Amino acid sequence: MILKTNLHFHTKEDEKSISYDIYQAIDYAKTHNFDVLAYTPHRKFFFKDEYAEYAAKKDILLMPGIEMEIEGKHIVVLNCDKEIEDVKSFSALSAYKRENSQVLILAPHPFVFSPKSLGPRLLENMALFDAIEMSVFSNKIFNFNKKAEKIAKKYNLPFIATSDAHFLEDMERGYALINVPEKTSEAVLSAIKKRDFQNKMNSMSPLAMLKYVIKSTLNVLI
């Protein structure tokens, strides 16, 4: 079966500047025919059983995750648990992964202009990552995906589209159609590692990027 997946998004539970909560995000995803979501809060593990149960009622698989900050750099970990909050270094994350083989570690927006992007730290810690994100924050003028895709090919890693949504309307900008035998976290992550998916990307234009930055700034200030 083919599942429409969004494996990187945020809500106001983890970022006060965001206007919608996890339930609104799930509802929106349902109206746009998503089958699988991975909730990836910033720095904290906010996943609750009630979130997964609510999603299940909408026939959506909700996976736990986090967009953690390791030595000042963002890293997305999927299918993790609350112990991930204790990880504070690349070496500790490597140890966590060895002890938790069910996780998938994604390099998010590695070359987008932000001090939080991995940049050179991606290459320094390449063995840690299972996949690299195709970011919506990219276009022909500011093509931050070009280098990320080149590295993914060089190191034989999946290059997968996500939305990294901070606004509901952005959830459909980037997603992946993943081919799985069953709708489970294990099947989804296995298919990603096997590259059994198709990316769908509607990248932000330079104007959309500017609007995104302005809206984000205004939301922080309000």
N, C-alpha and C. Protein backbone atom coordinates (compact mmCIF):
# COMPACT_ATOMS: atom_id res chain seq x y z
N MET A 1 0.84 -1.20 0.00
CA MET A 1 0.00 0.00 0.00
C MET A 1 0.88 1.25 0.00
N ILE A 2 0.35 2.34 -0.55
CA ILE A 2 1.05 3.62 -0.60
C ILE A 2 0.49 4.54 0.47
N LEU A 3 1.36 5.04 1.32
CA LEU A 3 0.95 5.91 2.41
C LEU A 3 1.50 7.32 2.22
N LYS A 4 0.64 8.29 2.40
CA LYS A 4 1.05 9.70 2.34
C LYS A 4 1.57 10.10 3.71
N THR A 5 2.82 10.53 3.77
CA THR A 5 3.47 10.74 5.06
C THR A 5 4.04 12.15 5.23
N ASN A 6 3.90 12.67 6.42
CA ASN A 6 4.56 13.92 6.82
C ASN A 6 5.37 13.60 8.07
N LEU A 7 6.67 13.60 7.96
CA LEU A 7 7.53 13.08 9.02
C LEU A 7 8.30 14.16 9.78
N HIS A 8 7.82 15.40 9.71
CA HIS A 8 8.50 16.49 10.41
C HIS A 8 7.56 17.69 10.46
N PHE A 9 6.92 17.90 11.61
CA PHE A 9 6.06 19.07 11.76
C PHE A 9 5.99 19.48 13.23
N HIS A 10 5.54 20.71 13.46
CA HIS A 10 5.52 21.29 14.80
C HIS A 10 4.13 21.83 15.13
N THR A 11 3.88 22.00 16.43
CA THR A 11 2.61 22.55 16.91
C THR A 11 2.88 23.49 18.09
N LYS A 12 1.84 24.16 18.57
CA LYS A 12 2.05 25.12 19.64
C LYS A 12 2.36 24.47 20.99
N GLU A 13 2.19 23.16 21.10
CA GLU A 13 2.61 22.48 22.31
C GLU A 13 4.12 22.60 22.52
N ASP A 14 4.87 22.64 21.41
CA ASP A 14 6.32 22.73 21.54
C ASP A 14 6.88 24.08 21.13
N GLU A 15 6.09 24.88 20.44
CA GLU A 15 6.57 26.19 19.98
C GLU A 15 5.42 27.20 20.15
N LYS A 16 5.53 28.07 21.14
CA LYS A 16 4.42 28.97 21.48
C LYS A 16 4.04 29.91 20.35
N SER A 17 4.97 30.16 19.44
CA SER A 17 4.68 31.07 18.33
C SER A 17 3.77 30.44 17.28
N ILE A 18 3.55 29.11 17.35
CA ILE A 18 2.69 28.40 16.39
C ILE A 18 1.24 28.52 16.83
N SER A 19 0.36 28.71 15.88
CA SER A 19 -1.05 29.03 16.19
C SER A 19 -1.95 27.82 16.37
N TYR A 20 -1.55 26.63 15.95
CA TYR A 20 -2.42 25.46 16.00
C TYR A 20 -1.85 24.39 16.93
N ASP A 21 -2.74 23.57 17.48
CA ASP A 21 -2.27 22.51 18.38
C ASP A 21 -2.21 21.18 17.65
N ILE A 22 -1.80 20.14 18.37
CA ILE A 22 -1.60 18.82 17.76
C ILE A 22 -2.90 18.26 17.20
N TYR A 23 -4.01 18.53 17.87
CA TYR A 23 -5.29 18.00 17.39
C TYR A 23 -5.72 18.69 16.09
N GLN A 24 -5.49 19.98 16.00
CA GLN A 24 -5.80 20.70 14.77
C GLN A 24 -4.91 20.23 13.63
N ALA A 25 -3.65 19.92 13.95
CA ALA A 25 -2.73 19.42 12.92
C ALA A 25 -3.20 18.07 12.40
N ILE A 26 -3.64 17.21 13.30
CA ILE A 26 -4.14 15.89 12.89
C ILE A 26 -5.40 16.04 12.05
N ASP A 27 -6.29 16.93 12.47
CA ASP A 27 -7.51 17.17 11.69
C ASP A 27 -7.19 17.67 10.29
N TYR A 28 -6.25 18.61 10.22
CA TYR A 28 -5.84 19.15 8.92
C TYR A 28 -5.25 18.05 8.05
N ALA A 29 -4.40 17.23 8.66
CA ALA A 29 -3.78 16.13 7.92
C ALA A 29 -4.84 15.17 7.38
N LYS A 30 -5.86 14.93 8.17
CA LYS A 30 -6.93 14.03 7.72
C LYS A 30 -7.65 14.60 6.51
N THR A 31 -7.94 15.89 6.52
CA THR A 31 -8.65 16.50 5.39
C THR A 31 -7.79 16.52 4.13
N HIS A 32 -6.46 16.36 4.30
CA HIS A 32 -5.56 16.35 3.16
C HIS A 32 -4.99 14.96 2.90
N ASN A 33 -5.69 13.97 3.43
CA ASN A 33 -5.45 12.55 3.07
C ASN A 33 -4.09 12.02 3.48
N PHE A 34 -3.54 12.53 4.58
CA PHE A 34 -2.31 11.94 5.11
C PHE A 34 -2.63 10.65 5.85
N ASP A 35 -1.74 9.68 5.73
CA ASP A 35 -1.89 8.40 6.41
C ASP A 35 -0.97 8.25 7.61
N VAL A 36 0.17 8.92 7.55
CA VAL A 36 1.19 8.80 8.60
C VAL A 36 1.76 10.17 8.92
N LEU A 37 1.89 10.46 10.21
CA LEU A 37 2.53 11.67 10.68
C LEU A 37 3.60 11.30 11.69
N ALA A 38 4.67 12.09 11.75
CA ALA A 38 5.65 11.96 12.81
C ALA A 38 5.72 13.32 13.51
N TYR A 39 5.34 13.33 14.77
CA TYR A 39 5.32 14.57 15.55
C TYR A 39 6.72 14.82 16.11
N THR A 40 7.33 15.94 15.72
CA THR A 40 8.73 16.21 16.04
C THR A 40 8.92 17.54 16.77
N PRO A 41 8.51 17.62 18.01
CA PRO A 41 8.66 18.88 18.77
C PRO A 41 10.11 19.29 18.92
N HIS A 42 10.31 20.59 19.11
CA HIS A 42 11.66 21.10 19.34
C HIS A 42 12.13 20.78 20.76
N ARG A 43 13.26 20.10 20.85
CA ARG A 43 14.03 19.94 22.09
C ARG A 43 13.36 19.09 23.18
N LYS A 44 12.06 18.89 23.13
CA LYS A 44 11.37 18.13 24.17
C LYS A 44 10.54 17.01 23.54
N PHE A 45 10.39 15.92 24.28
CA PHE A 45 9.57 14.79 23.83
C PHE A 45 8.17 14.97 24.42
N PHE A 46 7.24 15.42 23.57
CA PHE A 46 5.89 15.75 24.03
C PHE A 46 4.86 14.68 23.69
N PHE A 47 5.29 13.59 23.11
CA PHE A 47 4.35 12.58 22.62
C PHE A 47 3.52 11.99 23.77
N LYS A 48 2.21 11.85 23.51
CA LYS A 48 1.28 11.26 24.49
C LYS A 48 0.44 10.19 23.79
N ASP A 49 0.06 9.18 24.54
CA ASP A 49 -0.79 8.13 23.98
C ASP A 49 -2.10 8.70 23.44
N GLU A 50 -2.60 9.72 24.12
CA GLU A 50 -3.89 10.30 23.68
C GLU A 50 -3.77 10.95 22.29
N TYR A 51 -2.58 11.45 21.96
CA TYR A 51 -2.37 12.00 20.61
C TYR A 51 -2.48 10.87 19.57
N ALA A 52 -1.80 9.77 19.85
CA ALA A 52 -1.83 8.64 18.93
C ALA A 52 -3.23 8.05 18.81
N GLU A 53 -3.96 8.00 19.92
CA GLU A 53 -5.32 7.47 19.91
C GLU A 53 -6.25 8.38 19.10
N TYR A 54 -6.07 9.68 19.25
CA TYR A 54 -6.88 10.62 18.48
C TYR A 54 -6.60 10.46 16.98
N ALA A 55 -5.32 10.34 16.64
CA ALA A 55 -4.94 10.16 15.24
C ALA A 55 -5.49 8.85 14.69
N ALA A 56 -5.43 7.80 15.51
CA ALA A 56 -5.91 6.49 15.06
C ALA A 56 -7.40 6.53 14.73
N LYS A 57 -8.15 7.33 15.47
CA LYS A 57 -9.58 7.47 15.18
C LYS A 57 -9.80 8.12 13.81
N LYS A 58 -8.78 8.84 13.34
CA LYS A 58 -8.83 9.47 12.01
C LYS A 58 -8.16 8.59 10.97
N ASP A 59 -7.81 7.37 11.37
CA ASP A 59 -7.11 6.41 10.51
C ASP A 59 -5.73 6.93 10.11
N ILE A 60 -5.07 7.61 11.04
CA ILE A 60 -3.72 8.13 10.84
C ILE A 60 -2.79 7.49 11.86
N LEU A 61 -1.65 7.02 11.38
CA LEU A 61 -0.60 6.52 12.28
C LEU A 61 0.25 7.71 12.71
N LEU A 62 0.28 7.97 14.02
CA LEU A 62 1.09 9.06 14.56
C LEU A 62 2.31 8.46 15.25
N MET A 63 3.48 8.81 14.73
CA MET A 63 4.73 8.29 15.27
C MET A 63 5.37 9.31 16.21
N PRO A 64 6.02 8.85 17.28
CA PRO A 64 6.74 9.77 18.16
C PRO A 64 8.05 10.22 17.53
N GLY A 65 8.45 11.43 17.87
CA GLY A 65 9.71 11.94 17.37
C GLY A 65 10.13 13.19 18.10
N ILE A 66 11.23 13.76 17.67
CA ILE A 66 11.74 14.98 18.27
C ILE A 66 12.69 15.66 17.28
N GLU A 67 12.68 16.99 17.29
CA GLU A 67 13.75 17.74 16.61
C GLU A 67 14.64 18.27 17.72
N MET A 68 15.67 17.50 18.00
CA MET A 68 16.52 17.83 19.13
C MET A 68 17.64 18.78 18.71
N GLU A 69 18.30 19.33 19.71
CA GLU A 69 19.42 20.24 19.46
C GLU A 69 20.66 19.62 20.08
N ILE A 70 21.56 19.17 19.22
CA ILE A 70 22.81 18.55 19.66
C ILE A 70 23.97 19.49 19.34
N GLU A 71 24.62 19.96 20.38
CA GLU A 71 25.76 20.87 20.20
C GLU A 71 25.38 22.03 19.28
N GLY A 72 24.14 22.53 19.48
CA GLY A 72 23.66 23.69 18.75
C GLY A 72 23.10 23.39 17.37
N LYS A 73 23.01 22.11 16.99
CA LYS A 73 22.53 21.74 15.65
C LYS A 73 21.26 20.88 15.74
N HIS A 74 20.34 21.10 14.80
CA HIS A 74 19.08 20.37 14.78
C HIS A 74 19.24 18.99 14.16
N ILE A 75 18.63 18.00 14.81
CA ILE A 75 18.60 16.63 14.33
C ILE A 75 17.22 16.06 14.64
N VAL A 76 16.60 15.40 13.68
CA VAL A 76 15.29 14.78 13.88
C VAL A 76 15.49 13.30 14.17
N VAL A 77 14.88 12.83 15.24
CA VAL A 77 14.90 11.40 15.58
C VAL A 77 13.47 10.89 15.59
N LEU A 78 13.19 9.88 14.79
CA LEU A 78 11.86 9.31 14.67
C LEU A 78 11.77 8.00 15.43
N ASN A 79 10.59 7.76 15.99
CA ASN A 79 10.29 6.51 16.71
C ASN A 79 11.16 6.34 17.95
N CYS A 80 11.41 7.46 18.63
CA CYS A 80 12.22 7.46 19.85
C CYS A 80 11.32 7.44 21.09
N ASP A 81 11.92 7.55 22.27
CA ASP A 81 11.16 7.65 23.51
C ASP A 81 11.69 8.82 24.33
N LYS A 82 11.12 9.03 25.52
CA LYS A 82 11.44 10.22 26.30
C LYS A 82 12.91 10.26 26.74
N GLU A 83 13.57 9.13 26.77
CA GLU A 83 14.98 9.11 27.16
C GLU A 83 15.85 9.89 26.19
N ILE A 84 15.34 10.17 25.02
CA ILE A 84 16.09 10.94 24.04
C ILE A 84 16.43 12.33 24.57
N GLU A 85 15.62 12.84 25.50
CA GLU A 85 15.88 14.16 26.06
C GLU A 85 17.20 14.22 26.83
N ASP A 86 17.70 13.08 27.27
CA ASP A 86 18.95 13.04 28.04
C ASP A 86 20.18 13.07 27.14
N VAL A 87 19.97 12.95 25.84
CA VAL A 87 21.09 12.92 24.89
C VAL A 87 21.55 14.35 24.60
N LYS A 88 22.83 14.62 24.84
CA LYS A 88 23.33 15.99 24.71
C LYS A 88 24.52 16.12 23.76
N SER A 89 24.97 15.01 23.15
CA SER A 89 26.13 15.08 22.27
C SER A 89 25.97 14.10 21.12
N PHE A 90 26.77 14.27 20.09
CA PHE A 90 26.73 13.35 18.96
C PHE A 90 27.11 11.95 19.39
N SER A 91 28.09 11.84 20.26
CA SER A 91 28.52 10.52 20.71
C SER A 91 27.43 9.85 21.54
N ALA A 92 26.73 10.63 22.36
CA ALA A 92 25.64 10.08 23.15
C ALA A 92 24.48 9.66 22.26
N LEU A 93 24.24 10.41 21.19
CA LEU A 93 23.18 10.04 20.25
C LEU A 93 23.54 8.74 19.54
N SER A 94 24.79 8.57 19.21
CA SER A 94 25.24 7.32 18.59
C SER A 94 25.00 6.15 19.52
N ALA A 95 25.29 6.34 20.80
CA ALA A 95 25.06 5.28 21.79
C ALA A 95 23.58 4.99 21.94
N TYR A 96 22.77 6.05 21.95
CA TYR A 96 21.31 5.87 22.05
C TYR A 96 20.79 5.06 20.88
N LYS A 97 21.30 5.35 19.70
CA LYS A 97 20.87 4.62 18.50
C LYS A 97 21.25 3.15 18.58
N ARG A 98 22.43 2.86 19.08
CA ARG A 98 22.86 1.47 19.22
C ARG A 98 21.94 0.70 20.16
N GLU A 99 21.44 1.39 21.18
CA GLU A 99 20.58 0.75 22.17
C GLU A 99 19.10 0.76 21.76
N ASN A 100 18.77 1.52 20.73
CA ASN A 100 17.38 1.66 20.29
C ASN A 100 17.34 1.51 18.77
N SER A 101 17.43 0.29 18.29
CA SER A 101 17.56 0.02 16.86
C SER A 101 16.32 0.39 16.07
N GLN A 102 15.21 0.69 16.76
CA GLN A 102 13.97 1.01 16.06
C GLN A 102 13.93 2.45 15.56
N VAL A 103 14.88 3.29 15.96
CA VAL A 103 14.81 4.70 15.59
C VAL A 103 15.38 4.95 14.20
N LEU A 104 14.98 6.08 13.64
CA LEU A 104 15.57 6.56 12.38
C LEU A 104 16.04 7.99 12.64
N ILE A 105 17.27 8.28 12.28
CA ILE A 105 17.84 9.60 12.50
C ILE A 105 17.96 10.33 11.17
N LEU A 106 17.30 11.49 11.13
CA LEU A 106 17.19 12.30 9.92
C LEU A 106 17.95 13.61 10.07
N ALA A 107 18.69 13.97 9.04
CA ALA A 107 19.38 15.26 9.02
C ALA A 107 18.43 16.30 8.40
N PRO A 108 17.83 17.17 9.21
CA PRO A 108 16.86 18.13 8.69
C PRO A 108 17.52 19.38 8.12
N HIS A 109 16.99 19.85 7.01
CA HIS A 109 17.44 21.11 6.38
C HIS A 109 18.93 21.38 6.63
N PRO A 110 19.82 20.46 6.25
CA PRO A 110 21.22 20.56 6.70
C PRO A 110 21.98 21.78 6.20
N PHE A 111 21.55 22.38 5.07
CA PHE A 111 22.31 23.50 4.53
C PHE A 111 21.47 24.77 4.36
N VAL A 112 20.29 24.80 4.95
CA VAL A 112 19.49 26.03 4.98
C VAL A 112 20.22 27.05 5.84
N PHE A 113 20.16 28.36 5.44
CA PHE A 113 20.93 29.36 6.18
C PHE A 113 20.34 29.57 7.58
N SER A 114 20.92 28.88 8.52
CA SER A 114 20.53 28.97 9.92
C SER A 114 21.68 28.43 10.76
N PRO A 115 21.99 29.07 11.88
CA PRO A 115 23.05 28.55 12.74
C PRO A 115 22.69 27.19 13.33
N LYS A 116 21.40 26.82 13.27
CA LYS A 116 20.95 25.53 13.79
C LYS A 116 21.10 24.40 12.77
N SER A 117 21.30 24.72 11.51
CA SER A 117 21.47 23.69 10.48
C SER A 117 22.81 22.98 10.67
N LEU A 118 22.85 21.72 10.31
CA LEU A 118 24.05 20.91 10.54
C LEU A 118 25.28 21.41 9.81
N GLY A 119 25.11 21.78 8.54
CA GLY A 119 26.25 22.23 7.77
C GLY A 119 27.37 21.19 7.78
N PRO A 120 28.62 21.60 8.07
CA PRO A 120 29.76 20.67 8.08
C PRO A 120 29.64 19.54 9.10
N ARG A 121 28.82 19.75 10.13
CA ARG A 121 28.67 18.70 11.15
C ARG A 121 27.99 17.47 10.59
N LEU A 122 27.26 17.64 9.50
CA LEU A 122 26.65 16.48 8.85
C LEU A 122 27.73 15.52 8.36
N LEU A 123 28.71 16.04 7.65
CA LEU A 123 29.79 15.21 7.12
C LEU A 123 30.65 14.62 8.24
N GLU A 124 30.84 15.38 9.30
CA GLU A 124 31.66 14.91 10.42
C GLU A 124 31.00 13.73 11.14
N ASN A 125 29.64 13.64 11.04
CA ASN A 125 28.91 12.60 11.77
C ASN A 125 28.04 11.77 10.83
N MET A 126 28.49 11.58 9.61
CA MET A 126 27.69 10.94 8.58
C MET A 126 27.21 9.55 8.97
N ALA A 127 28.03 8.80 9.69
CA ALA A 127 27.66 7.43 10.06
C ALA A 127 26.45 7.38 10.98
N LEU A 128 26.12 8.51 11.58
CA LEU A 128 25.01 8.56 12.53
C LEU A 128 23.65 8.58 11.82
N PHE A 129 23.61 9.10 10.59
CA PHE A 129 22.34 9.41 9.94
C PHE A 129 21.84 8.28 9.04
N ASP A 130 20.50 8.12 9.06
CA ASP A 130 19.83 7.13 8.22
C ASP A 130 19.22 7.76 6.98
N ALA A 131 19.01 9.08 6.98
CA ALA A 131 18.39 9.76 5.85
C ALA A 131 18.67 11.25 5.95
N ILE A 132 18.52 11.93 4.82
CA ILE A 132 18.69 13.39 4.74
C ILE A 132 17.39 13.99 4.24
N GLU A 133 17.02 15.11 4.83
CA GLU A 133 15.75 15.74 4.48
C GLU A 133 15.84 16.60 3.22
N MET A 134 14.83 16.46 2.36
CA MET A 134 14.61 17.40 1.28
C MET A 134 13.73 18.51 1.86
N SER A 135 14.28 19.70 1.96
CA SER A 135 13.61 20.80 2.65
C SER A 135 12.71 21.61 1.72
N VAL A 136 11.58 22.06 2.26
CA VAL A 136 10.69 22.95 1.50
C VAL A 136 11.28 24.35 1.41
N PHE A 137 12.25 24.65 2.28
CA PHE A 137 12.85 25.97 2.33
C PHE A 137 13.99 26.02 1.32
N SER A 138 13.62 25.95 0.04
CA SER A 138 14.61 25.87 -1.03
C SER A 138 13.92 26.18 -2.35
N ASN A 139 14.65 26.73 -3.28
CA ASN A 139 14.11 27.01 -4.61
C ASN A 139 15.28 27.19 -5.59
N LYS A 140 14.98 27.57 -6.82
CA LYS A 140 16.03 27.68 -7.84
C LYS A 140 17.04 28.77 -7.52
N ILE A 141 16.59 29.82 -6.86
CA ILE A 141 17.50 30.91 -6.52
C ILE A 141 18.31 30.58 -5.27
N PHE A 142 17.61 30.10 -4.24
CA PHE A 142 18.26 29.68 -2.99
C PHE A 142 18.10 28.16 -2.88
N ASN A 143 18.95 27.44 -3.59
CA ASN A 143 18.79 25.99 -3.67
C ASN A 143 19.61 25.31 -2.58
N PHE A 144 19.00 25.21 -1.39
CA PHE A 144 19.69 24.58 -0.27
C PHE A 144 19.62 23.06 -0.33
N ASN A 145 18.78 22.53 -1.22
CA ASN A 145 18.67 21.08 -1.35
C ASN A 145 19.74 20.47 -2.26
N LYS A 146 20.34 21.29 -3.11
CA LYS A 146 21.29 20.76 -4.09
C LYS A 146 22.44 20.04 -3.41
N LYS A 147 23.07 20.69 -2.43
CA LYS A 147 24.21 20.08 -1.75
C LYS A 147 23.75 18.89 -0.91
N ALA A 148 22.57 19.02 -0.28
CA ALA A 148 22.04 17.92 0.55
C ALA A 148 21.80 16.68 -0.29
N GLU A 149 21.22 16.87 -1.48
CA GLU A 149 20.96 15.73 -2.35
C GLU A 149 22.26 15.10 -2.85
N LYS A 150 23.22 15.94 -3.16
CA LYS A 150 24.52 15.44 -3.64
C LYS A 150 25.18 14.56 -2.57
N ILE A 151 25.12 15.01 -1.33
CA ILE A 151 25.72 14.24 -0.23
C ILE A 151 24.94 12.95 0.01
N ALA A 152 23.61 13.03 -0.09
CA ALA A 152 22.79 11.82 0.08
C ALA A 152 23.19 10.76 -0.94
N LYS A 153 23.39 11.19 -2.18
CA LYS A 153 23.78 10.24 -3.24
C LYS A 153 25.18 9.70 -2.99
N LYS A 154 26.09 10.57 -2.59
CA LYS A 154 27.47 10.15 -2.37
C LYS A 154 27.58 9.11 -1.27
N TYR A 155 26.78 9.29 -0.21
CA TYR A 155 26.86 8.38 0.93
C TYR A 155 25.73 7.34 0.93
N ASN A 156 25.02 7.27 -0.20
CA ASN A 156 24.00 6.24 -0.39
C ASN A 156 22.92 6.28 0.69
N LEU A 157 22.44 7.49 0.99
CA LEU A 157 21.40 7.69 1.99
C LEU A 157 20.09 8.12 1.32
N PRO A 158 18.96 7.74 1.88
CA PRO A 158 17.67 8.23 1.36
C PRO A 158 17.58 9.75 1.49
N PHE A 159 16.97 10.37 0.51
CA PHE A 159 16.76 11.83 0.49
C PHE A 159 15.25 12.03 0.45
N ILE A 160 14.66 12.36 1.60
CA ILE A 160 13.21 12.29 1.74
C ILE A 160 12.59 13.64 2.05
N ALA A 161 11.47 13.92 1.41
CA ALA A 161 10.77 15.20 1.56
C ALA A 161 9.90 15.21 2.81
N THR A 162 9.98 16.31 3.57
CA THR A 162 9.08 16.56 4.69
C THR A 162 8.64 18.02 4.60
N SER A 163 7.75 18.41 5.50
CA SER A 163 7.27 19.80 5.45
C SER A 163 7.94 20.70 6.48
N ASP A 164 8.40 20.14 7.62
CA ASP A 164 8.90 20.96 8.73
C ASP A 164 7.90 22.09 9.02
N ALA A 165 6.62 21.75 9.01
CA ALA A 165 5.56 22.76 9.06
C ALA A 165 5.50 23.49 10.41
N HIS A 166 5.43 24.83 10.31
CA HIS A 166 5.14 25.69 11.44
C HIS A 166 3.82 26.43 11.19
N PHE A 167 3.29 26.27 9.99
CA PHE A 167 1.99 26.81 9.59
C PHE A 167 1.23 25.68 8.89
N LEU A 168 -0.05 25.53 9.21
CA LEU A 168 -0.81 24.41 8.67
C LEU A 168 -0.77 24.34 7.15
N GLU A 169 -0.84 25.50 6.50
CA GLU A 169 -0.89 25.51 5.03
C GLU A 169 0.39 24.98 4.40
N ASP A 170 1.45 24.85 5.22
CA ASP A 170 2.71 24.34 4.69
C ASP A 170 2.84 22.82 4.80
N MET A 171 1.89 22.17 5.42
CA MET A 171 2.02 20.72 5.64
C MET A 171 2.09 19.94 4.33
N GLU A 172 1.47 20.48 3.28
CA GLU A 172 1.47 19.77 2.01
C GLU A 172 2.59 20.21 1.07
N ARG A 173 3.44 21.10 1.51
CA ARG A 173 4.53 21.55 0.64
C ARG A 173 5.50 20.41 0.33
N GLY A 174 5.81 19.62 1.36
CA GLY A 174 6.74 18.51 1.16
C GLY A 174 6.27 17.28 1.89
N TYR A 175 6.18 16.18 1.17
CA TYR A 175 5.79 14.92 1.80
C TYR A 175 6.28 13.76 0.94
N ALA A 176 6.18 12.57 1.49
CA ALA A 176 6.63 11.38 0.76
C ALA A 176 5.50 10.36 0.69
N LEU A 177 5.40 9.72 -0.47
CA LEU A 177 4.47 8.60 -0.65
C LEU A 177 5.29 7.32 -0.48
N ILE A 178 5.03 6.62 0.62
CA ILE A 178 5.87 5.48 1.00
C ILE A 178 5.13 4.17 0.75
N ASN A 179 5.81 3.24 0.13
CA ASN A 179 5.23 1.94 -0.21
C ASN A 179 5.54 0.94 0.91
N VAL A 180 4.50 0.47 1.59
CA VAL A 180 4.69 -0.43 2.74
C VAL A 180 3.70 -1.60 2.66
N PRO A 181 4.03 -2.74 3.28
CA PRO A 181 3.10 -3.87 3.32
C PRO A 181 2.01 -3.68 4.36
N GLU A 182 2.30 -2.83 5.38
CA GLU A 182 1.33 -2.58 6.45
C GLU A 182 1.59 -1.21 7.05
N LYS A 183 0.57 -0.66 7.69
CA LYS A 183 0.69 0.68 8.26
C LYS A 183 1.21 0.57 9.70
N THR A 184 2.51 0.43 9.84
CA THR A 184 3.18 0.41 11.13
C THR A 184 4.43 1.28 11.07
N SER A 185 4.88 1.71 12.23
CA SER A 185 6.11 2.51 12.28
C SER A 185 7.29 1.75 11.71
N GLU A 186 7.38 0.47 12.07
CA GLU A 186 8.49 -0.36 11.61
C GLU A 186 8.50 -0.46 10.09
N ALA A 187 7.32 -0.65 9.49
CA ALA A 187 7.23 -0.78 8.04
C ALA A 187 7.59 0.52 7.34
N VAL A 188 7.13 1.64 7.91
CA VAL A 188 7.41 2.95 7.31
C VAL A 188 8.91 3.25 7.33
N LEU A 189 9.54 3.05 8.47
CA LEU A 189 10.97 3.35 8.58
C LEU A 189 11.81 2.40 7.75
N SER A 190 11.40 1.14 7.68
CA SER A 190 12.10 0.17 6.84
C SER A 190 12.02 0.57 5.37
N ALA A 191 10.85 1.02 4.93
CA ALA A 191 10.68 1.44 3.53
C ALA A 191 11.54 2.66 3.20
N ILE A 192 11.67 3.56 4.17
CA ILE A 192 12.52 4.73 3.96
C ILE A 192 13.97 4.29 3.73
N LYS A 193 14.45 3.41 4.58
CA LYS A 193 15.83 2.93 4.46
C LYS A 193 16.06 2.20 3.14
N LYS A 194 14.99 1.57 2.62
CA LYS A 194 15.08 0.86 1.34
C LYS A 194 14.82 1.79 0.15
N ARG A 195 14.52 3.07 0.44
CA ARG A 195 14.20 4.08 -0.58
C ARG A 195 12.96 3.71 -1.38
N ASP A 196 12.02 3.07 -0.72
CA ASP A 196 10.79 2.67 -1.39
C ASP A 196 9.74 3.76 -1.18
N PHE A 197 10.02 4.94 -1.72
CA PHE A 197 9.11 6.07 -1.56
C PHE A 197 9.30 7.04 -2.73
N GLN A 198 8.33 7.91 -2.87
CA GLN A 198 8.37 8.95 -3.91
C GLN A 198 8.17 10.30 -3.24
N ASN A 199 9.05 11.25 -3.52
CA ASN A 199 8.94 12.58 -2.93
C ASN A 199 7.96 13.46 -3.71
N LYS A 200 7.24 14.29 -2.97
CA LYS A 200 6.38 15.30 -3.54
C LYS A 200 6.79 16.64 -2.92
N MET A 201 7.18 17.57 -3.75
CA MET A 201 7.73 18.81 -3.23
C MET A 201 7.18 20.04 -3.96
N ASN A 202 6.66 20.98 -3.20
CA ASN A 202 6.25 22.29 -3.70
C ASN A 202 7.04 23.32 -2.88
N SER A 203 8.29 23.50 -3.25
CA SER A 203 9.21 24.33 -2.46
C SER A 203 8.72 25.77 -2.36
N MET A 204 9.17 26.43 -1.31
CA MET A 204 8.84 27.83 -1.13
C MET A 204 9.57 28.68 -2.17
N SER A 205 8.87 29.61 -2.75
CA SER A 205 9.50 30.59 -3.63
C SER A 205 10.22 31.61 -2.75
N PRO A 206 11.09 32.46 -3.34
CA PRO A 206 11.73 33.50 -2.52
C PRO A 206 10.71 34.37 -1.79
N LEU A 207 9.58 34.69 -2.46
CA LEU A 207 8.54 35.49 -1.81
C LEU A 207 7.90 34.72 -0.65
N ALA A 208 7.64 33.43 -0.87
CA ALA A 208 7.06 32.61 0.19
C ALA A 208 8.02 32.50 1.37
N MET A 209 9.32 32.40 1.07
CA MET A 209 10.33 32.38 2.14
C MET A 209 10.25 33.66 2.97
N LEU A 210 10.17 34.79 2.28
CA LEU A 210 10.11 36.08 2.97
C LEU A 210 8.86 36.17 3.84
N LYS A 211 7.73 35.74 3.28
CA LYS A 211 6.47 35.77 4.05
C LYS A 211 6.57 34.86 5.27
N TYR A 212 7.21 33.70 5.09
CA TYR A 212 7.39 32.75 6.19
C TYR A 212 8.19 33.39 7.32
N VAL A 213 9.29 34.04 6.97
CA VAL A 213 10.15 34.67 7.97
C VAL A 213 9.40 35.79 8.69
N ILE A 214 8.64 36.60 7.94
CA ILE A 214 7.88 37.70 8.53
C ILE A 214 6.81 37.17 9.47
N LYS A 215 6.05 36.18 9.01
CA LYS A 215 4.99 35.61 9.84
C LYS A 215 5.56 34.99 11.10
N SER A 216 6.66 34.26 10.97
CA SER A 216 7.29 33.62 12.12
C SER A 216 7.74 34.65 13.13
N THR A 217 8.35 35.74 12.63
CA THR A 217 8.83 36.82 13.51
C THR A 217 7.67 37.49 14.23
N LEU A 218 6.59 37.78 13.50
CA LEU A 218 5.44 38.42 14.10
C LEU A 218 4.80 37.53 15.16
N ASN A 219 4.73 36.23 14.89
CA ASN A 219 4.14 35.32 15.87
C ASN A 219 4.94 35.26 17.15
N VAL A 220 6.26 35.36 17.03
CA VAL A 220 7.12 35.37 18.22
C VAL A 220 6.90 36.63 19.03
N LEU A 221 6.69 37.74 18.34
CA LEU A 221 6.55 39.02 19.00
C LEU A 221 5.18 39.21 19.64
N ILE A 222 4.16 38.53 19.09
CA ILE A 222 2.78 38.71 19.60
C ILE A 222 2.64 38.11 21.00
